[in-house]
Amino acid sequence: MTYIELSAWFLGAAVVVAIAASLLAGRRRASLAGIGITVAVLFLLTAVFDTLMIATGLFHYSSGHLLGIHIGLAPLEDFAYPIAGAILLPALWAALRARRRSRVGPTGEEDHS
């Protein structure tokens, strides 16, 4: 299995779980603008820090398993994980927050029934 195949499966699973979590969150879904900004920032940070870590020799990739597209020294496949996190985590947070709010009664106390 190549890195891009592994990344695609990982990113696909994150998107599916994020969609399910968004449906559970209802009106309290994560902000698309916030997710977009987070993706952009994580993309930039990944490009900078992965390039630095690869340049210093902390790790390397087998070129036979890469597409060959790089941003700085970071292979394209490296960007799937932070992007998946930026998509998945806000959706999970919104779903958990919506679930908690549905359990809280009008007095602010949790309903334990």
C-alpha atoms as a PDB file:
ATOM      1  CA  MET A   1       0.000   0.000   0.000  1.00  0.00           C
ATOM      2  CA  THR A   2       1.338   3.419  -0.912  1.00  0.00           C
ATOM      3  CA  TYR A   3       1.281   6.433   1.390  1.00  0.00           C
ATOM      4  CA  ILE A   4      -1.368   8.122  -0.764  1.00  0.00           C
ATOM      5  CA  GLU A   5      -3.667   5.086  -0.484  1.00  0.00           C
ATOM      6  CA  LEU A   6      -3.283   5.050   3.284  1.00  0.00           C
ATOM      7  CA  SER A   7      -3.856   8.796   3.410  1.00  0.00           C
ATOM      8  CA  ALA A   8      -6.962   8.519   1.228  1.00  0.00           C
ATOM      9  CA  TRP A   9      -8.493   5.861   3.490  1.00  0.00           C
ATOM     10  CA  PHE A  10      -7.683   7.893   6.583  1.00  0.00           C
ATOM     11  CA  LEU A  11      -9.049  11.129   5.114  1.00  0.00           C
ATOM     12  CA  GLY A  12     -12.143   9.370   3.769  1.00  0.00           C
ATOM     13  CA  ALA A  13     -12.920   7.836   7.159  1.00  0.00           C
ATOM     14  CA  ALA A  14     -12.502  11.240   8.826  1.00  0.00           C
ATOM     15  CA  VAL A  15     -14.914  12.852   6.355  1.00  0.00           C
ATOM     16  CA  VAL A  16     -17.534  10.116   6.851  1.00  0.00           C
ATOM     17  CA  VAL A  17     -17.351  10.420  10.645  1.00  0.00           C
ATOM     18  CA  ALA A  18     -17.446  14.234  10.385  1.00  0.00           C
ATOM     19  CA  ILE A  19     -20.608  14.091   8.246  1.00  0.00           C
ATOM     20  CA  ALA A  20     -22.267  11.725  10.722  1.00  0.00           C
ATOM     21  CA  ALA A  21     -21.225  13.933  13.646  1.00  0.00           C
ATOM     22  CA  SER A  22     -22.551  17.030  11.853  1.00  0.00           C
ATOM     23  CA  LEU A  23     -25.907  15.340  11.337  1.00  0.00           C
ATOM     24  CA  LEU A  24     -26.018  14.504  15.042  1.00  0.00           C
ATOM     25  CA  ALA A  25     -25.100  18.080  15.960  1.00  0.00           C
ATOM     26  CA  GLY A  26     -28.101  19.478  14.089  1.00  0.00           C
ATOM     27  CA  ARG A  27     -28.201  23.265  14.215  1.00  0.00           C
ATOM     28  CA  ARG A  28     -25.018  23.431  16.284  1.00  0.00           C
ATOM     29  CA  ARG A  29     -22.744  22.284  13.463  1.00  0.00           C
ATOM     30  CA  ALA A  30     -19.134  23.368  13.258  1.00  0.00           C
ATOM     31  CA  SER A  31     -18.493  26.558  11.311  1.00  0.00           C
ATOM     32  CA  LEU A  32     -17.284  25.925   7.757  1.00  0.00           C
ATOM     33  CA  ALA A  33     -15.291  29.160   7.853  1.00  0.00           C
ATOM     34  CA  GLY A  34     -13.586  28.051  11.058  1.00  0.00           C
ATOM     35  CA  ILE A  35     -12.773  24.662   9.559  1.00  0.00           C
ATOM     36  CA  GLY A  36     -11.415  26.334   6.415  1.00  0.00           C
ATOM     37  CA  ILE A  37      -9.163  28.661   8.398  1.00  0.00           C
ATOM     38  CA  THR A  38      -7.953  25.747  10.516  1.00  0.00           C
ATOM     39  CA  VAL A  39      -7.168  23.676   7.415  1.00  0.00           C
ATOM     40  CA  ALA A  40      -5.186  26.579   5.917  1.00  0.00           C
ATOM     41  CA  VAL A  41      -3.187  27.158   9.112  1.00  0.00           C
ATOM     42  CA  LEU A  42      -2.447  23.449   9.623  1.00  0.00           C
ATOM     43  CA  PHE A  43      -1.459  23.102   5.968  1.00  0.00           C
ATOM     44  CA  LEU A  44       1.052  25.944   6.352  1.00  0.00           C
ATOM     45  CA  LEU A  45       2.395  24.627   9.666  1.00  0.00           C
ATOM     46  CA  THR A  46       2.756  21.121   8.230  1.00  0.00           C
ATOM     47  CA  ALA A  47       4.650  22.458   5.223  1.00  0.00           C
ATOM     48  CA  VAL A  48       7.058  24.452   7.388  1.00  0.00           C
ATOM     49  CA  PHE A  49       7.701  21.993  10.201  1.00  0.00           C
ATOM     50  CA  ASP A  50       7.764  18.817   8.127  1.00  0.00           C
ATOM     51  CA  THR A  51      10.257  20.488   5.819  1.00  0.00           C
ATOM     52  CA  LEU A  52      12.419  21.410   8.808  1.00  0.00           C
ATOM     53  CA  MET A  53      12.224  17.909  10.307  1.00  0.00           C
ATOM     54  CA  ILE A  54      13.022  16.232   6.979  1.00  0.00           C
ATOM     55  CA  ALA A  55      15.887  18.680   6.332  1.00  0.00           C
ATOM     56  CA  THR A  56      17.455  17.872   9.707  1.00  0.00           C
ATOM     57  CA  GLY A  57      17.183  14.142   9.060  1.00  0.00           C
ATOM     58  CA  LEU A  58      14.635  13.285  11.756  1.00  0.00           C
ATOM     59  CA  PHE A  59      12.807  11.054   9.279  1.00  0.00           C
ATOM     60  CA  HIS A  60      12.575  10.214   5.599  1.00  0.00           C
ATOM     61  CA  TYR A  61      10.219   8.457   3.225  1.00  0.00           C
ATOM     62  CA  SER A  62      10.763   5.608   0.823  1.00  0.00           C
ATOM     63  CA  SER A  63      10.457   7.297  -2.563  1.00  0.00           C
ATOM     64  CA  GLY A  64       8.925   4.159  -4.073  1.00  0.00           C
ATOM     65  CA  HIS A  65       5.756   4.716  -2.058  1.00  0.00           C
ATOM     66  CA  LEU A  66       5.327   8.441  -2.721  1.00  0.00           C
ATOM     67  CA  LEU A  67       3.569  10.290  -5.538  1.00  0.00           C
ATOM     68  CA  GLY A  68       6.605  12.519  -5.912  1.00  0.00           C
ATOM     69  CA  ILE A  69       4.739  15.788  -5.289  1.00  0.00           C
ATOM     70  CA  HIS A  70       6.342  17.846  -2.517  1.00  0.00           C
ATOM     71  CA  ILE A  71       5.576  21.124  -0.819  1.00  0.00           C
ATOM     72  CA  GLY A  72       8.941  22.214   0.450  1.00  0.00           C
ATOM     73  CA  LEU A  73      10.477  18.889   1.425  1.00  0.00           C
ATOM     74  CA  ALA A  74       7.175  17.504   2.730  1.00  0.00           C
ATOM     75  CA  PRO A  75       5.476  14.951   0.489  1.00  0.00           C
ATOM     76  CA  LEU A  76       1.862  15.624  -0.413  1.00  0.00           C
ATOM     77  CA  GLU A  77       0.776  12.554   1.545  1.00  0.00           C
ATOM     78  CA  ASP A  78       1.885  14.199   4.811  1.00  0.00           C
ATOM     79  CA  PHE A  79      -0.914  16.746   4.581  1.00  0.00           C
ATOM     80  CA  ALA A  80      -3.798  14.256   4.858  1.00  0.00           C
ATOM     81  CA  TYR A  81      -3.516  13.790   8.621  1.00  0.00           C
ATOM     82  CA  PRO A  82      -3.685  17.429   9.755  1.00  0.00           C
ATOM     83  CA  ILE A  83      -6.451  18.104   7.227  1.00  0.00           C
ATOM     84  CA  ALA A  84      -8.404  15.092   8.509  1.00  0.00           C
ATOM     85  CA  GLY A  85      -7.998  16.364  12.060  1.00  0.00           C
ATOM     86  CA  ALA A  86      -9.170  19.841  11.089  1.00  0.00           C
ATOM     87  CA  ILE A  87     -12.282  18.347   9.472  1.00  0.00           C
ATOM     88  CA  LEU A  88     -13.062  15.680  12.048  1.00  0.00           C
ATOM     89  CA  LEU A  89     -12.409  17.305  15.426  1.00  0.00           C
ATOM     90  CA  PRO A  90     -14.691  20.374  15.104  1.00  0.00           C
ATOM     91  CA  ALA A  91     -17.550  18.144  13.900  1.00  0.00           C
ATOM     92  CA  LEU A  92     -17.069  15.782  16.853  1.00  0.00           C
ATOM     93  CA  TRP A  93     -16.859  18.725  19.247  1.00  0.00           C
ATOM     94  CA  ALA A  94     -20.125  20.190  17.901  1.00  0.00           C
ATOM     95  CA  ALA A  95     -21.886  16.813  18.139  1.00  0.00           C
ATOM     96  CA  LEU A  96     -20.729  16.259  21.722  1.00  0.00           C
ATOM     97  CA  ARG A  97     -21.679  19.813  22.666  1.00  0.00           C
ATOM     98  CA  ALA A  98     -25.152  19.385  21.111  1.00  0.00           C
ATOM     99  CA  ARG A  99     -25.592  16.073  22.918  1.00  0.00           C
ATOM    100  CA  ARG A 100     -24.628  17.640  26.236  1.00  0.00           C
ATOM    101  CA  ARG A 101     -26.993  20.581  25.727  1.00  0.00           C
ATOM    102  CA  SER A 102     -29.851  18.203  24.973  1.00  0.00           C
ATOM    103  CA  ARG A 103     -29.201  16.480  28.321  1.00  0.00           C
ATOM    104  CA  VAL A 104     -29.187  19.749  30.288  1.00  0.00           C
ATOM    105  CA  GLY A 105     -32.624  20.700  31.566  1.00  0.00           C
ATOM    106  CA  PRO A 106     -34.159  24.200  31.791  1.00  0.00           C
ATOM    107  CA  THR A 107     -32.589  24.739  35.230  1.00  0.00           C
ATOM    108  CA  GLY A 108     -29.098  24.108  33.902  1.00  0.00           C
ATOM    109  CA  GLU A 109     -28.887  20.755  35.672  1.00  0.00           C
ATOM    110  CA  GLU A 110     -28.194  17.565  33.788  1.00  0.00           C
ATOM    111  CA  ASP A 111     -31.171  15.262  33.382  1.00  0.00           C
ATOM    112  CA  HIS A 112     -30.123  11.906  34.903  1.00  0.00           C
ATOM    113  CA  SER A 113     -33.386  10.115  34.230  1.00  0.00           C
END
